[in-house]
PDB file of N, CA and C in Angstrom:
ATOM      1  N   MET A   1      -9.298 -15.585   5.952  1.00  0.00           N
ATOM      2  CA  MET A   1      -8.555 -14.471   6.501  1.00  0.00           C
ATOM      3  C   MET A   1      -7.297 -14.183   5.686  1.00  0.00           C
ATOM      4  N   ILE A   2      -6.638 -15.261   5.241  1.00  0.00           N
ATOM      5  CA  ILE A   2      -5.415 -15.081   4.464  1.00  0.00           C
ATOM      6  C   ILE A   2      -5.744 -14.454   3.110  1.00  0.00           C
ATOM      7  N   LEU A   3      -6.854 -14.841   2.522  1.00  0.00           N
ATOM      8  CA  LEU A   3      -7.252 -14.259   1.238  1.00  0.00           C
ATOM      9  C   LEU A   3      -7.507 -12.757   1.371  1.00  0.00           C
ATOM     10  N   VAL A   4      -8.127 -12.346   2.446  1.00  0.00           N
ATOM     11  CA  VAL A   4      -8.385 -10.923   2.682  1.00  0.00           C
ATOM     12  C   VAL A   4      -7.075 -10.171   2.878  1.00  0.00           C
ATOM     13  N   ALA A   5      -6.144 -10.765   3.614  1.00  0.00           N
ATOM     14  CA  ALA A   5      -4.840 -10.125   3.828  1.00  0.00           C
ATOM     15  C   ALA A   5      -4.079  -9.982   2.524  1.00  0.00           C
ATOM     16  N   LYS A   6      -4.144 -10.996   1.662  1.00  0.00           N
ATOM     17  CA  LYS A   6      -3.487 -10.910   0.349  1.00  0.00           C
ATOM     18  C   LYS A   6      -4.089  -9.799  -0.487  1.00  0.00           C
ATOM     19  N   LEU A   7      -5.404  -9.717  -0.493  1.00  0.00           N
ATOM     20  CA  LEU A   7      -6.084  -8.692  -1.275  1.00  0.00           C
ATOM     21  C   LEU A   7      -5.716  -7.290  -0.789  1.00  0.00           C
ATOM     22  N   ILE A   8      -5.723  -7.088   0.507  1.00  0.00           N
ATOM     23  CA  ILE A   8      -5.376  -5.777   1.063  1.00  0.00           C
ATOM     24  C   ILE A   8      -3.914  -5.438   0.786  1.00  0.00           C
ATOM     25  N   SER A   9      -3.027  -6.425   0.850  1.00  0.00           N
ATOM     26  CA  SER A   9      -1.617  -6.151   0.587  1.00  0.00           C
ATOM     27  C   SER A   9      -1.395  -5.764  -0.868  1.00  0.00           C
ATOM     28  N   TRP A  10      -2.094  -6.396  -1.796  1.00  0.00           N
ATOM     29  CA  TRP A  10      -1.974  -6.018  -3.213  1.00  0.00           C
ATOM     30  C   TRP A  10      -2.541  -4.631  -3.467  1.00  0.00           C
ATOM     31  N   ILE A  11      -3.637  -4.303  -2.819  1.00  0.00           N
ATOM     32  CA  ILE A  11      -4.216  -2.960  -2.962  1.00  0.00           C
ATOM     33  C   ILE A  11      -3.265  -1.906  -2.408  1.00  0.00           C
ATOM     34  N   SER A  12      -2.608  -2.213  -1.307  1.00  0.00           N
ATOM     35  CA  SER A  12      -1.669  -1.245  -0.740  1.00  0.00           C
ATOM     36  C   SER A  12      -0.443  -1.068  -1.631  1.00  0.00           C
ATOM     37  N   LEU A  13      -0.036  -2.104  -2.350  1.00  0.00           N
ATOM     38  CA  LEU A  13       1.065  -1.941  -3.297  1.00  0.00           C
ATOM     39  C   LEU A  13       0.674  -1.024  -4.450  1.00  0.00           C
ATOM     40  N   VAL A  14      -0.549  -1.145  -4.907  1.00  0.00           N
ATOM     41  CA  VAL A  14      -1.043  -0.229  -5.940  1.00  0.00           C
ATOM     42  C   VAL A  14      -1.102   1.187  -5.393  1.00  0.00           C
ATOM     43  N   ALA A  15      -1.488   1.299  -4.131  1.00  0.00           N
ATOM     44  CA  ALA A  15      -1.554   2.618  -3.495  1.00  0.00           C
ATOM     45  C   ALA A  15      -0.170   3.213  -3.284  1.00  0.00           C
ATOM     46  N   LEU A  16       0.874   2.403  -3.350  1.00  0.00           N
ATOM     47  CA  LEU A  16       2.241   2.927  -3.286  1.00  0.00           C
ATOM     48  C   LEU A  16       2.695   3.484  -4.632  1.00  0.00           C
ATOM     49  N   ILE A  17       2.224   2.908  -5.697  1.00  0.00           N
ATOM     50  CA  ILE A  17       2.650   3.330  -7.029  1.00  0.00           C
ATOM     51  C   ILE A  17       1.833   4.514  -7.538  1.00  0.00           C
ATOM     52  N   ALA A  18       0.549   4.512  -7.276  1.00  0.00           N
ATOM     53  CA  ALA A  18      -0.350   5.538  -7.804  1.00  0.00           C
ATOM     54  C   ALA A  18       0.027   6.965  -7.396  1.00  0.00           C
ATOM     55  N   PRO A  19       0.361   7.246  -6.144  1.00  0.00           N
ATOM     56  CA  PRO A  19       0.702   8.625  -5.777  1.00  0.00           C
ATOM     57  C   PRO A  19       1.941   9.153  -6.498  1.00  0.00           C
ATOM     58  N   ALA A  20       2.908   8.291  -6.734  1.00  0.00           N
ATOM     59  CA  ALA A  20       4.106   8.728  -7.447  1.00  0.00           C
ATOM     60  C   ALA A  20       3.761   9.142  -8.874  1.00  0.00           C
ATOM     61  N   ILE A  21       2.910   8.370  -9.513  1.00  0.00           N
ATOM     62  CA  ILE A  21       2.483   8.704 -10.875  1.00  0.00           C
ATOM     63  C   ILE A  21       1.657   9.982 -10.870  1.00  0.00           C
ATOM     64  N   LEU A  22       0.755  10.098  -9.914  1.00  0.00           N
ATOM     65  CA  LEU A  22      -0.065  11.310  -9.831  1.00  0.00           C
ATOM     66  C   LEU A  22       0.779  12.546  -9.534  1.00  0.00           C
ATOM     67  N   PHE A  23       1.826  12.377  -8.737  1.00  0.00           N
ATOM     68  CA  PHE A  23       2.724  13.498  -8.452  1.00  0.00           C
ATOM     69  C   PHE A  23       3.466  13.929  -9.711  1.00  0.00           C
ATOM     70  N   LEU A  24       3.941  12.973 -10.478  1.00  0.00           N
ATOM     71  CA  LEU A  24       4.642  13.298 -11.721  1.00  0.00           C
ATOM     72  C   LEU A  24       3.721  13.958 -12.740  1.00  0.00           C
ATOM     73  N   MET A  25       2.444  13.636 -12.674  1.00  0.00           N
ATOM     74  CA  MET A  25       1.471  14.259 -13.566  1.00  0.00           C
ATOM     75  C   MET A  25       1.020  15.626 -13.059  1.00  0.00           C
ATOM     76  N   GLY A  26       1.413  15.976 -11.840  1.00  0.00           N
ATOM     77  CA  GLY A  26       1.026  17.261 -11.265  1.00  0.00           C
ATOM     78  C   GLY A  26      -0.340  17.266 -10.619  1.00  0.00           C
ATOM     79  N   ARG A  27      -0.859  16.101 -10.278  1.00  0.00           N
ATOM     80  CA  ARG A  27      -2.202  15.990  -9.692  1.00  0.00           C
ATOM     81  C   ARG A  27      -2.201  15.931  -8.165  1.00  0.00           C
ATOM     82  N   MET A  28      -1.027  15.670  -7.556  1.00  0.00           N
ATOM     83  CA  MET A  28      -0.936  15.588  -6.097  1.00  0.00           C
ATOM     84  C   MET A  28       0.251  16.409  -5.615  1.00  0.00           C
ATOM     85  N   GLU A  29       0.102  16.931  -4.411  1.00  0.00           N
ATOM     86  CA  GLU A  29       1.200  17.663  -3.774  1.00  0.00           C
ATOM     87  C   GLU A  29       2.134  16.664  -3.086  1.00  0.00           C
ATOM     88  N   LEU A  30       3.353  17.078  -2.855  1.00  0.00           N
ATOM     89  CA  LEU A  30       4.353  16.191  -2.280  1.00  0.00           C
ATOM     90  C   LEU A  30       3.966  15.729  -0.872  1.00  0.00           C
ATOM     91  N   ASP A  31       3.399  16.597  -0.070  1.00  0.00           N
ATOM     92  CA  ASP A  31       2.995  16.209   1.286  1.00  0.00           C
ATOM     93  C   ASP A  31       1.924  15.126   1.259  1.00  0.00           C
ATOM     94  N   GLN A  32       0.987  15.228   0.337  1.00  0.00           N
ATOM     95  CA  GLN A  32      -0.052  14.206   0.199  1.00  0.00           C
ATOM     96  C   GLN A  32       0.554  12.874  -0.233  1.00  0.00           C
ATOM     97  N   VAL A  33       1.494  12.946  -1.163  1.00  0.00           N
ATOM     98  CA  VAL A  33       2.145  11.731  -1.656  1.00  0.00           C
ATOM     99  C   VAL A  33       2.875  11.023  -0.514  1.00  0.00           C
ATOM    100  N   LYS A  34       3.596  11.788   0.285  1.00  0.00           N
ATOM    101  CA  LYS A  34       4.332  11.203   1.407  1.00  0.00           C
ATOM    102  C   LYS A  34       3.399  10.523   2.400  1.00  0.00           C
ATOM    103  N   MET A  35       2.284  11.165   2.710  1.00  0.00           N
ATOM    104  CA  MET A  35       1.347  10.606   3.686  1.00  0.00           C
ATOM    105  C   MET A  35       0.703   9.319   3.158  1.00  0.00           C
ATOM    106  N   VAL A  36       0.247   9.337   1.913  1.00  0.00           N
ATOM    107  CA  VAL A  36      -0.386   8.149   1.336  1.00  0.00           C
ATOM    108  C   VAL A  36       0.609   7.000   1.254  1.00  0.00           C
ATOM    109  N   MET A  37       1.839   7.309   0.858  1.00  0.00           N
ATOM    110  CA  MET A  37       2.846   6.254   0.732  1.00  0.00           C
ATOM    111  C   MET A  37       3.259   5.699   2.100  1.00  0.00           C
ATOM    112  N   LEU A  38       3.301   6.543   3.114  1.00  0.00           N
ATOM    113  CA  LEU A  38       3.624   6.072   4.461  1.00  0.00           C
ATOM    114  C   LEU A  38       2.545   5.125   4.976  1.00  0.00           C
ATOM    115  N   ILE A  39       1.296   5.531   4.830  1.00  0.00           N
ATOM    116  CA  ILE A  39       0.183   4.692   5.286  1.00  0.00           C
ATOM    117  C   ILE A  39       0.140   3.387   4.506  1.00  0.00           C
ATOM    118  N   SER A  40       0.330   3.452   3.199  1.00  0.00           N
ATOM    119  CA  SER A  40       0.318   2.248   2.364  1.00  0.00           C
ATOM    120  C   SER A  40       1.445   1.294   2.729  1.00  0.00           C
ATOM    121  N   THR A  41       2.607   1.838   3.055  1.00  0.00           N
ATOM    122  CA  THR A  41       3.734   0.999   3.445  1.00  0.00           C
ATOM    123  C   THR A  41       3.446   0.249   4.739  1.00  0.00           C
ATOM    124  N   VAL A  42       2.896   0.945   5.712  1.00  0.00           N
ATOM    125  CA  VAL A  42       2.566   0.305   6.988  1.00  0.00           C
ATOM    126  C   VAL A  42       1.511  -0.778   6.783  1.00  0.00           C
ATOM    127  N   VAL A  43       0.485  -0.467   5.997  1.00  0.00           N
ATOM    128  CA  VAL A  43      -0.568  -1.456   5.726  1.00  0.00           C
ATOM    129  C   VAL A  43       0.015  -2.666   5.015  1.00  0.00           C
ATOM    130  N   TRP A  44       0.904  -2.441   4.054  1.00  0.00           N
ATOM    131  CA  TRP A  44       1.496  -3.560   3.331  1.00  0.00           C
ATOM    132  C   TRP A  44       2.314  -4.447   4.260  1.00  0.00           C
ATOM    133  N   PHE A  45       3.152  -3.844   5.111  1.00  0.00           N
ATOM    134  CA  PHE A  45       3.971  -4.646   6.015  1.00  0.00           C
ATOM    135  C   PHE A  45       3.107  -5.482   6.960  1.00  0.00           C
ATOM    136  N   VAL A  46       2.045  -4.923   7.458  1.00  0.00           N
ATOM    137  CA  VAL A  46       1.178  -5.664   8.384  1.00  0.00           C
ATOM    138  C   VAL A  46       0.457  -6.792   7.661  1.00  0.00           C
ATOM    139  N   THR A  47      -0.154  -6.494   6.524  1.00  0.00           N
ATOM    140  CA  THR A  47      -0.942  -7.517   5.837  1.00  0.00           C
ATOM    141  C   THR A  47      -0.068  -8.571   5.164  1.00  0.00           C
ATOM    142  N   ALA A  48       1.077  -8.171   4.620  1.00  0.00           N
ATOM    143  CA  ALA A  48       1.964  -9.159   3.999  1.00  0.00           C
ATOM    144  C   ALA A  48       2.518 -10.117   5.046  1.00  0.00           C
ATOM    145  N   ALA A  49       2.840  -9.603   6.208  1.00  0.00           N
ATOM    146  CA  ALA A  49       3.325 -10.476   7.276  1.00  0.00           C
ATOM    147  C   ALA A  49       2.239 -11.460   7.708  1.00  0.00           C
ATOM    148  N   MET A  50       1.002 -11.007   7.698  1.00  0.00           N
ATOM    149  CA  MET A  50      -0.101 -11.882   8.111  1.00  0.00           C
ATOM    150  C   MET A  50      -0.232 -13.077   7.174  1.00  0.00           C
ATOM    151  N   TRP A  51      -0.164 -12.854   5.856  1.00  0.00           N
ATOM    152  CA  TRP A  51      -0.381 -13.988   4.957  1.00  0.00           C
ATOM    153  C   TRP A  51       0.892 -14.738   4.633  1.00  0.00           C
ATOM    154  N   MET A  52       2.055 -14.124   4.789  1.00  0.00           N
ATOM    155  CA  MET A  52       3.286 -14.868   4.532  1.00  0.00           C
ATOM    156  C   MET A  52       3.643 -15.773   5.710  1.00  0.00           C
ATOM    157  N   TRP A  53       3.368 -15.336   6.916  1.00  0.00           N
ATOM    158  CA  TRP A  53       3.723 -16.118   8.087  1.00  0.00           C
ATOM    159  C   TRP A  53       2.531 -16.864   8.667  1.00  0.00           C
ATOM    160  N   GLY A  54       1.346 -16.589   8.160  1.00  0.00           N
ATOM    161  CA  GLY A  54       0.158 -17.246   8.676  1.00  0.00           C
ATOM    162  C   GLY A  54       0.053 -18.684   8.186  1.00  0.00           C
ATOM    163  N   LYS A  55      -0.679 -19.467   8.940  1.00  0.00           N
ATOM    164  CA  LYS A  55      -0.892 -20.858   8.555  1.00  0.00           C
ATOM    165  C   LYS A  55      -2.237 -20.982   7.866  1.00  0.00           C
ATOM    166  N   GLU A  56      -2.283 -21.791   6.863  1.00  0.00           N
ATOM    167  CA  GLU A  56      -3.515 -21.983   6.087  1.00  0.00           C
ATOM    168  C   GLU A  56      -4.517 -22.813   6.851  1.00  0.00           C
TER     169      GLU A  56
END
């Protein structure tokens, strides 16, 4: 379970960086970037808390 949480948290961090780059390249609108980054942030906080505070 902890391995899955780590994997999802790393994917969500990538999902935080990618929209900003795509926005700068002109491939995404600002509203889309905000929504993706909001969802990615929430997912990261939930999954990072699971594996940082979870017991092995």
